[in-house]
Every structure is written in structure tokens, then in C-alpha cells.
Amino acid sequence: MKTTRQQQEATRRQIVVSAVDLMTRQGFDGTTMKDIARAAGIGDATIYKYFPTKDRIVLGYLDAVVQQALADTLQTPGFTDYQLQEKLQRLTDAVLEHLLPDREFVAQVRALARRSPLTLLAEPLAARQALREAVTSFLEAAEAAGEIEPCDFKGMAGGLYTDYLVGVVSYWLADTSDEFADTAQLVDLSLGVLVQTLRSGLINRVLQLGGFVLRSQMARLAQHGSGLLGVLHMAQQAMGSPPRTATAPTASPQAAPPRAPRKPRATAAAGTPATPRRKKAA
């Protein structure tokens, strides 16, 4: 019997919910895929059609949390009239609100990320791209409204927000203040500094200055070939590539200097007996 898309999504959600519950009680390492499948009410082999590994289930949980938080943020009444800091703060708060019921599990996810960071970083997350696009759109709206100076790094800033969010979540997990007041203050202050920096255009000027310095230094090095070659050799060595040994170019046959003709070996004249070898004395 063919399952519908809605049934597949419902099964996927049930797998994630069951995994979060089991891993919270038994730990990540103490929970097997078979345990999760049976708790979700599906066959032992069926679970692999949705998630090939436990790591992917964890990523599925994070993906669902971020997607839901983003949807709630965009549906906030009057959200389009919010200023940039209010939009970013609302999105950050929404993520923390959705993580709160599973705080103990989230702490296990952080420990897993520290133990094998490439496990989570190597996997593409649809939520990561959604966050990047959302923050980029917030910056574009703020720029169009004249709230911040025009900037050329909106896409990069959108990607950096994901890293910022990871840092906030780590701080929140260690926060013991009443109702996470310290985390709320951290978010308010950090986003306030960010927006103020964007309003002043300071980042643009820093980037422009950095670009000018880089171009001028490259121009100076280009005028002193040995200096430029030295920098390139150091960069090559730093990246682990052994420097190649320079070889002299092979001269073309036309450019090769003519060789002096070899002297012919002396041969006995015709009819002249060759000099006999001396016999060794007895």
C-alpha cells in the first residue's frame, strides 16, 4: 500500500519525537535504531527509509525546530514593520522557545557536536539555508528603509547568523539565571551592537580599508618579484604542499651553441705497420 506524502511526514515526525524521548532517557549511545523504530511503531527496516543513521535523526530534529521557529517568526503580527534588531531578536527567541521543552536533549546534541563536529557540520541542513535567506531579507529590508548603511555582505552575514545562533544556544544551556535572564541580556546587547555597527557603516569601511591594504601590498610585492615569490612559497608550505624545485628551461635545438667538431682518432697510415706492444720482461 502506497503511503501519501502527509503520512510520510507524520511518520518522520513520530520517529524524531520517539528518538528525542529515548535519547533523553537513555542517552545517544544507549539508544539504537531498533529502539527508535519500535517506539515509533514502525518496522525495524522501515526507519532506514527515513533516516539512515541516528545522527541524521538529530539533524532532522534541529531542522524541524528551526523551520518551525522561522515560520512562527514570519507570522508574528506586524512583523514587517519591525526594525532589524527586533526581527533578529524575535527569530532568536523563537528558536530558544522551541528548544526549551527538549533542553536536556539539546545538551546531548551539543556534546555530540563537540565529540565529532564534522558529523553535524558536514550534513546539509535545509534550515541553515532558510535562516540565511531570512536574515538576508531582513538586511535588505533595513537597507531599503534607510535603517542601515548599504552593505555588500548581506549573504555572508546571513550565513554568520547561524554560527551566532549556535553560540547563543550554548550560552543558554549553561545559563542558571532566573528565566534565563542572562541569555536575554546577551541577545539584546549583542544584536544591539551589531545593528549599531551596520547603521554606522563601520563594517563597510573596515572591509574597504582591508581591501585597499591588500591591493596595495600585492602591488608592492609584484614590483619586487622575490618578495612575492617568498610569500607564495610560505603560503604553499603552510597549506602542506611541498615546494617544487625550479628547473632550468630546456633550450631549443636552434638556440643551442654549435659543438666543436671532435678530433678524429689517429689511425695508422696505409702500409705503415702498427707499433708493436712491448713484451713484458720474463
Protein backbone atom coordinates (compact mmCIF):
# COMPACT_ATOMS: atom_id res chain seq x y z
CA MET A 1 0.00 0.00 0.00
CA LYS A 2 1.48 3.32 -1.10
CA THR A 3 1.76 5.96 1.61
CA THR A 4 0.84 9.56 0.94
CA ARG A 5 3.17 12.48 1.47
CA GLN A 6 1.25 13.51 4.57
CA GLN A 7 1.62 10.01 6.03
CA GLN A 8 5.36 10.07 5.34
CA GLU A 9 5.74 13.43 7.07
CA ALA A 10 3.73 12.17 10.04
CA THR A 11 5.94 9.06 10.29
CA ARG A 12 9.04 11.20 10.03
CA ARG A 13 7.85 13.44 12.87
CA GLN A 14 6.99 10.41 15.01
CA ILE A 15 10.45 8.97 14.52
CA VAL A 16 12.03 12.25 15.65
CA VAL A 17 9.74 12.54 18.69
CA SER A 18 10.45 8.95 19.71
CA ALA A 19 14.19 9.43 19.26
CA VAL A 20 14.23 12.59 21.38
CA ASP A 21 12.32 10.85 24.16
CA LEU A 22 14.54 7.75 24.17
CA MET A 23 17.83 9.65 23.88
CA THR A 24 16.83 11.98 26.69
CA ARG A 25 16.30 8.99 29.00
CA GLN A 26 18.91 6.55 27.67
CA GLY A 27 21.48 8.81 26.08
CA PHE A 28 22.55 8.97 22.44
CA ASP A 29 24.91 6.00 22.64
CA GLY A 30 22.45 3.95 24.69
CA THR A 31 19.70 4.22 22.08
CA THR A 32 19.63 2.04 18.97
CA MET A 33 17.81 2.48 15.68
CA LYS A 34 15.77 -0.61 16.56
CA ASP A 35 14.68 1.02 19.83
CA ILE A 36 13.55 4.14 17.98
CA ALA A 37 11.70 2.16 15.30
CA ARG A 38 9.74 0.14 17.85
CA ALA A 39 8.91 3.25 19.91
CA ALA A 40 7.66 4.93 16.73
CA GLY A 41 5.55 1.89 15.84
CA ILE A 42 7.27 1.07 12.56
CA GLY A 43 9.30 -1.86 11.30
CA ASP A 44 12.99 -2.21 12.09
CA ALA A 45 13.88 -1.83 8.41
CA THR A 46 11.36 0.92 7.66
CA ILE A 47 13.16 3.51 9.79
CA TYR A 48 16.15 3.45 7.43
CA LYS A 49 13.95 4.69 4.60
CA TYR A 50 13.53 7.93 6.56
CA PHE A 51 16.84 8.25 8.41
CA PRO A 52 19.93 6.17 7.60
CA THR A 53 21.63 6.91 10.94
CA LYS A 54 20.94 8.30 14.42
CA ASP A 55 22.97 11.38 13.50
CA ARG A 56 20.53 12.15 10.71
CA ILE A 57 17.64 11.91 13.16
CA VAL A 58 19.32 14.53 15.34
CA LEU A 59 19.74 16.75 12.30
CA GLY A 60 16.10 16.16 11.44
CA TYR A 61 15.14 17.42 14.89
CA LEU A 62 17.23 20.59 14.52
CA ASP A 63 15.86 21.15 11.03
CA ALA A 64 12.27 20.89 12.26
CA VAL A 65 12.87 23.23 15.22
CA VAL A 66 14.45 25.95 13.10
CA GLN A 67 11.84 25.68 10.34
CA GLN A 68 9.01 25.98 12.86
CA ALA A 69 10.67 28.87 14.69
CA LEU A 70 11.20 30.68 11.41
CA ALA A 71 7.56 30.13 10.39
CA ASP A 72 6.33 31.45 13.76
CA THR A 73 8.60 34.48 13.45
CA LEU A 74 7.38 35.44 9.99
CA GLN A 75 3.75 35.01 11.13
CA THR A 76 4.18 37.42 14.04
CA PRO A 77 1.52 40.17 13.73
CA GLY A 78 3.05 43.36 12.33
CA PHE A 79 6.41 41.67 11.78
CA THR A 80 7.08 43.50 8.52
CA ASP A 81 7.04 46.78 10.46
CA TYR A 82 9.67 45.57 12.94
CA GLN A 83 13.10 47.13 12.78
CA LEU A 84 16.16 44.98 12.12
CA GLN A 85 17.11 44.33 15.73
CA GLU A 86 13.52 43.42 16.63
CA LYS A 87 13.34 40.95 13.74
CA LEU A 88 16.60 39.24 14.65
CA GLN A 89 15.66 39.15 18.32
CA ARG A 90 12.23 37.68 17.59
CA LEU A 91 13.80 34.93 15.47
CA THR A 92 16.41 34.11 18.12
CA ASP A 93 13.79 33.99 20.87
CA ALA A 94 11.57 31.73 18.76
CA VAL A 95 14.38 29.20 18.32
CA LEU A 96 15.06 29.12 22.07
CA GLU A 97 11.34 28.78 22.82
CA HIS A 98 11.10 25.69 20.61
CA LEU A 99 14.24 24.17 22.13
CA LEU A 100 13.12 24.75 25.71
CA PRO A 101 10.90 21.62 26.11
CA ASP A 102 13.85 19.45 24.97
CA ARG A 103 16.64 21.32 26.78
CA GLU A 104 18.15 18.16 28.22
CA PHE A 105 18.25 16.55 24.79
CA VAL A 106 19.75 19.69 23.25
CA ALA A 107 22.57 19.46 25.79
CA GLN A 108 23.29 15.94 24.48
CA VAL A 109 23.30 17.27 20.93
CA ARG A 110 25.88 19.88 21.91
CA ALA A 111 28.05 17.17 23.49
CA LEU A 112 27.72 15.12 20.30
CA ALA A 113 28.77 18.11 18.19
CA ARG A 114 31.83 18.65 20.38
CA ARG A 115 32.78 14.99 20.18
CA SER A 116 32.52 14.75 16.41
CA PRO A 117 31.89 18.23 14.93
CA LEU A 118 32.16 17.07 11.31
CA THR A 119 29.19 14.78 11.84
CA LEU A 120 26.84 17.74 12.09
CA LEU A 121 28.75 20.30 10.04
CA ALA A 122 29.20 18.06 7.01
CA GLU A 123 25.48 17.47 6.56
CA PRO A 124 23.47 19.99 4.57
CA LEU A 125 20.57 21.43 6.57
CA ALA A 126 17.60 22.93 4.81
CA ALA A 127 17.07 25.07 7.91
CA ARG A 128 20.55 26.57 7.58
CA GLN A 129 19.75 27.80 4.09
CA ALA A 130 16.34 29.05 5.24
CA LEU A 131 17.97 31.05 8.05
CA ARG A 132 20.50 32.56 5.66
CA GLU A 133 17.77 33.65 3.26
CA ALA A 134 15.58 35.05 6.04
CA VAL A 135 18.34 37.13 7.64
CA THR A 136 19.45 38.35 4.22
CA SER A 137 15.90 39.53 3.55
CA PHE A 138 15.86 41.32 6.94
CA LEU A 139 19.05 43.16 6.00
CA GLU A 140 17.72 44.05 2.55
CA ALA A 141 14.54 45.50 4.07
CA ALA A 142 16.55 47.51 6.60
CA GLU A 143 18.81 48.82 3.86
CA ALA A 144 15.86 49.78 1.65
CA ALA A 145 14.26 51.64 4.58
CA GLY A 146 17.47 53.56 5.24
CA GLU A 147 17.84 51.96 8.67
CA ILE A 148 21.37 50.74 7.92
CA GLU A 149 24.06 51.78 5.51
CA PRO A 150 24.18 49.87 2.18
CA CYS A 151 26.38 46.78 2.56
CA ASP A 152 27.71 44.21 0.13
CA PHE A 153 27.97 41.29 2.54
CA LYS A 154 24.32 40.60 3.31
CA GLY A 155 24.58 36.98 2.13
CA MET A 156 27.66 36.36 4.26
CA ALA A 157 26.01 37.98 7.28
CA GLY A 158 23.02 35.71 6.80
CA GLY A 159 25.29 32.69 6.96
CA LEU A 160 27.12 34.02 10.03
CA TYR A 161 23.83 34.31 11.89
CA THR A 162 23.68 30.50 12.08
CA ASP A 163 27.05 30.48 13.88
CA TYR A 164 25.80 33.25 16.17
CA LEU A 165 22.70 31.19 16.97
CA VAL A 166 24.84 28.17 17.90
CA GLY A 167 26.79 30.36 20.32
CA VAL A 168 23.60 31.70 21.89
CA VAL A 169 22.24 28.18 22.38
CA SER A 170 25.49 27.09 24.05
CA TYR A 171 25.29 30.08 26.40
CA TRP A 172 21.62 29.34 27.11
CA LEU A 173 22.39 25.72 28.03
CA ALA A 174 24.85 26.92 30.69
CA ASP A 175 22.60 29.76 31.93
CA THR A 176 21.38 29.29 35.52
CA SER A 177 19.81 32.72 35.96
CA ASP A 178 16.09 33.14 36.66
CA GLU A 179 14.10 32.61 33.46
CA PHE A 180 17.38 32.75 31.53
CA ALA A 181 17.68 36.48 32.10
CA ASP A 182 21.39 36.43 31.30
CA THR A 183 20.72 34.89 27.91
CA ALA A 184 18.06 37.51 27.17
CA GLN A 185 20.54 40.26 28.07
CA LEU A 186 23.23 38.66 25.91
CA VAL A 187 20.94 38.55 22.89
CA ASP A 188 19.74 42.11 23.41
CA LEU A 189 23.23 43.56 23.80
CA SER A 190 24.92 41.56 21.03
CA LEU A 191 22.24 42.28 18.45
CA GLY A 192 22.18 45.93 19.52
CA VAL A 193 25.91 46.25 18.88
CA LEU A 194 25.55 44.51 15.53
CA VAL A 195 22.77 46.77 14.31
CA GLN A 196 24.55 49.90 15.56
CA THR A 197 27.65 48.84 13.65
CA LEU A 198 25.61 48.34 10.49
CA ARG A 199 23.96 51.73 10.92
CA SER A 200 27.31 53.49 11.21
CA GLY A 201 28.68 51.77 8.12
CA LEU A 202 31.77 50.80 10.12
CA ILE A 203 31.93 47.28 8.70
CA ASN A 204 31.85 48.62 5.15
CA ARG A 205 34.71 50.99 5.90
CA VAL A 206 36.73 48.24 7.58
CA LEU A 207 36.23 45.98 4.57
CA GLN A 208 37.11 48.79 2.17
CA LEU A 209 40.24 49.58 4.18
CA GLY A 210 41.19 45.92 4.26
CA GLY A 211 40.72 45.65 0.51
CA PHE A 212 42.83 48.75 -0.09
CA VAL A 213 45.65 47.45 2.12
CA LEU A 214 45.54 44.06 0.42
CA ARG A 215 45.66 45.58 -3.07
CA SER A 216 48.48 47.97 -2.18
CA GLN A 217 50.55 45.23 -0.57
CA MET A 218 50.07 42.92 -3.56
CA ALA A 219 51.09 45.77 -5.89
CA ARG A 220 54.22 46.41 -3.82
CA LEU A 221 55.11 42.73 -3.78
CA ALA A 222 54.53 42.48 -7.52
CA GLN A 223 57.19 45.15 -8.04
CA HIS A 224 59.67 43.04 -6.07
CA GLY A 225 59.35 39.62 -7.58
CA SER A 226 61.44 37.87 -4.95
CA GLY A 227 59.20 39.17 -2.17
CA LEU A 228 56.07 37.94 -3.90
CA LEU A 229 57.65 34.55 -4.58
CA GLY A 230 58.64 34.31 -0.93
CA VAL A 231 55.07 34.95 0.20
CA LEU A 232 53.73 32.38 -2.25
CA HIS A 233 56.29 29.81 -1.09
CA MET A 234 55.30 30.38 2.52
CA ALA A 235 51.61 30.03 1.64
CA GLN A 236 52.33 26.80 -0.23
CA GLN A 237 54.26 25.37 2.70
CA ALA A 238 51.55 26.42 5.15
CA MET A 239 48.98 24.51 3.10
CA GLY A 240 51.15 21.41 3.22
CA SER A 241 52.25 21.32 -0.41
CA PRO A 242 55.99 20.74 -0.82
CA PRO A 243 57.58 23.46 -2.96
CA ARG A 244 58.56 22.36 -6.41
CA THR A 245 62.21 22.52 -7.36
CA ALA A 246 62.76 25.03 -10.10
CA THR A 247 64.23 23.51 -13.24
CA ALA A 248 66.09 25.34 -15.92
CA PRO A 249 64.17 25.58 -19.18
CA THR A 250 65.36 23.27 -21.90
CA ALA A 251 66.98 25.19 -24.71
CA SER A 252 65.60 24.67 -28.15
CA PRO A 253 67.85 22.94 -30.73
CA GLN A 254 68.05 26.12 -32.76
CA ALA A 255 69.30 28.14 -29.78
CA ALA A 256 71.93 25.58 -28.68
CA PRO A 257 75.51 26.72 -29.38
CA PRO A 258 77.29 24.62 -32.02
CA ARG A 259 79.60 21.99 -30.61
CA ALA A 260 83.26 21.93 -31.61
CA PRO A 261 83.94 19.05 -34.02
CA ARG A 262 85.64 16.11 -32.43
CA LYS A 263 89.19 15.35 -33.50
CA PRO A 264 89.39 12.08 -35.40
CA ARG A 265 91.35 9.36 -33.75
CA ALA A 266 94.85 8.89 -35.10
CA THR A 267 94.99 5.83 -37.34
CA ALA A 268 97.96 4.15 -38.87
CA ALA A 269 98.80 5.32 -42.32
CA ALA A 270 98.19 2.90 -45.11
CA GLY A 271 101.05 0.47 -45.40
CA THR A 272 102.71 1.58 -42.13
CA PRO A 273 102.91 -1.23 -39.60
CA ALA A 274 101.33 -0.54 -36.32
CA THR A 275 103.64 -0.04 -33.36
CA PRO A 276 104.04 -3.40 -31.67
CA ARG A 277 103.37 -3.71 -27.96
CA ARG A 278 106.32 -4.33 -25.73
CA LYS A 279 106.67 -7.72 -24.34
CA LYS A 280 106.87 -7.98 -20.61
CA ALA A 281 110.25 -8.98 -19.29
CA ALA A 282 110.35 -12.54 -18.27
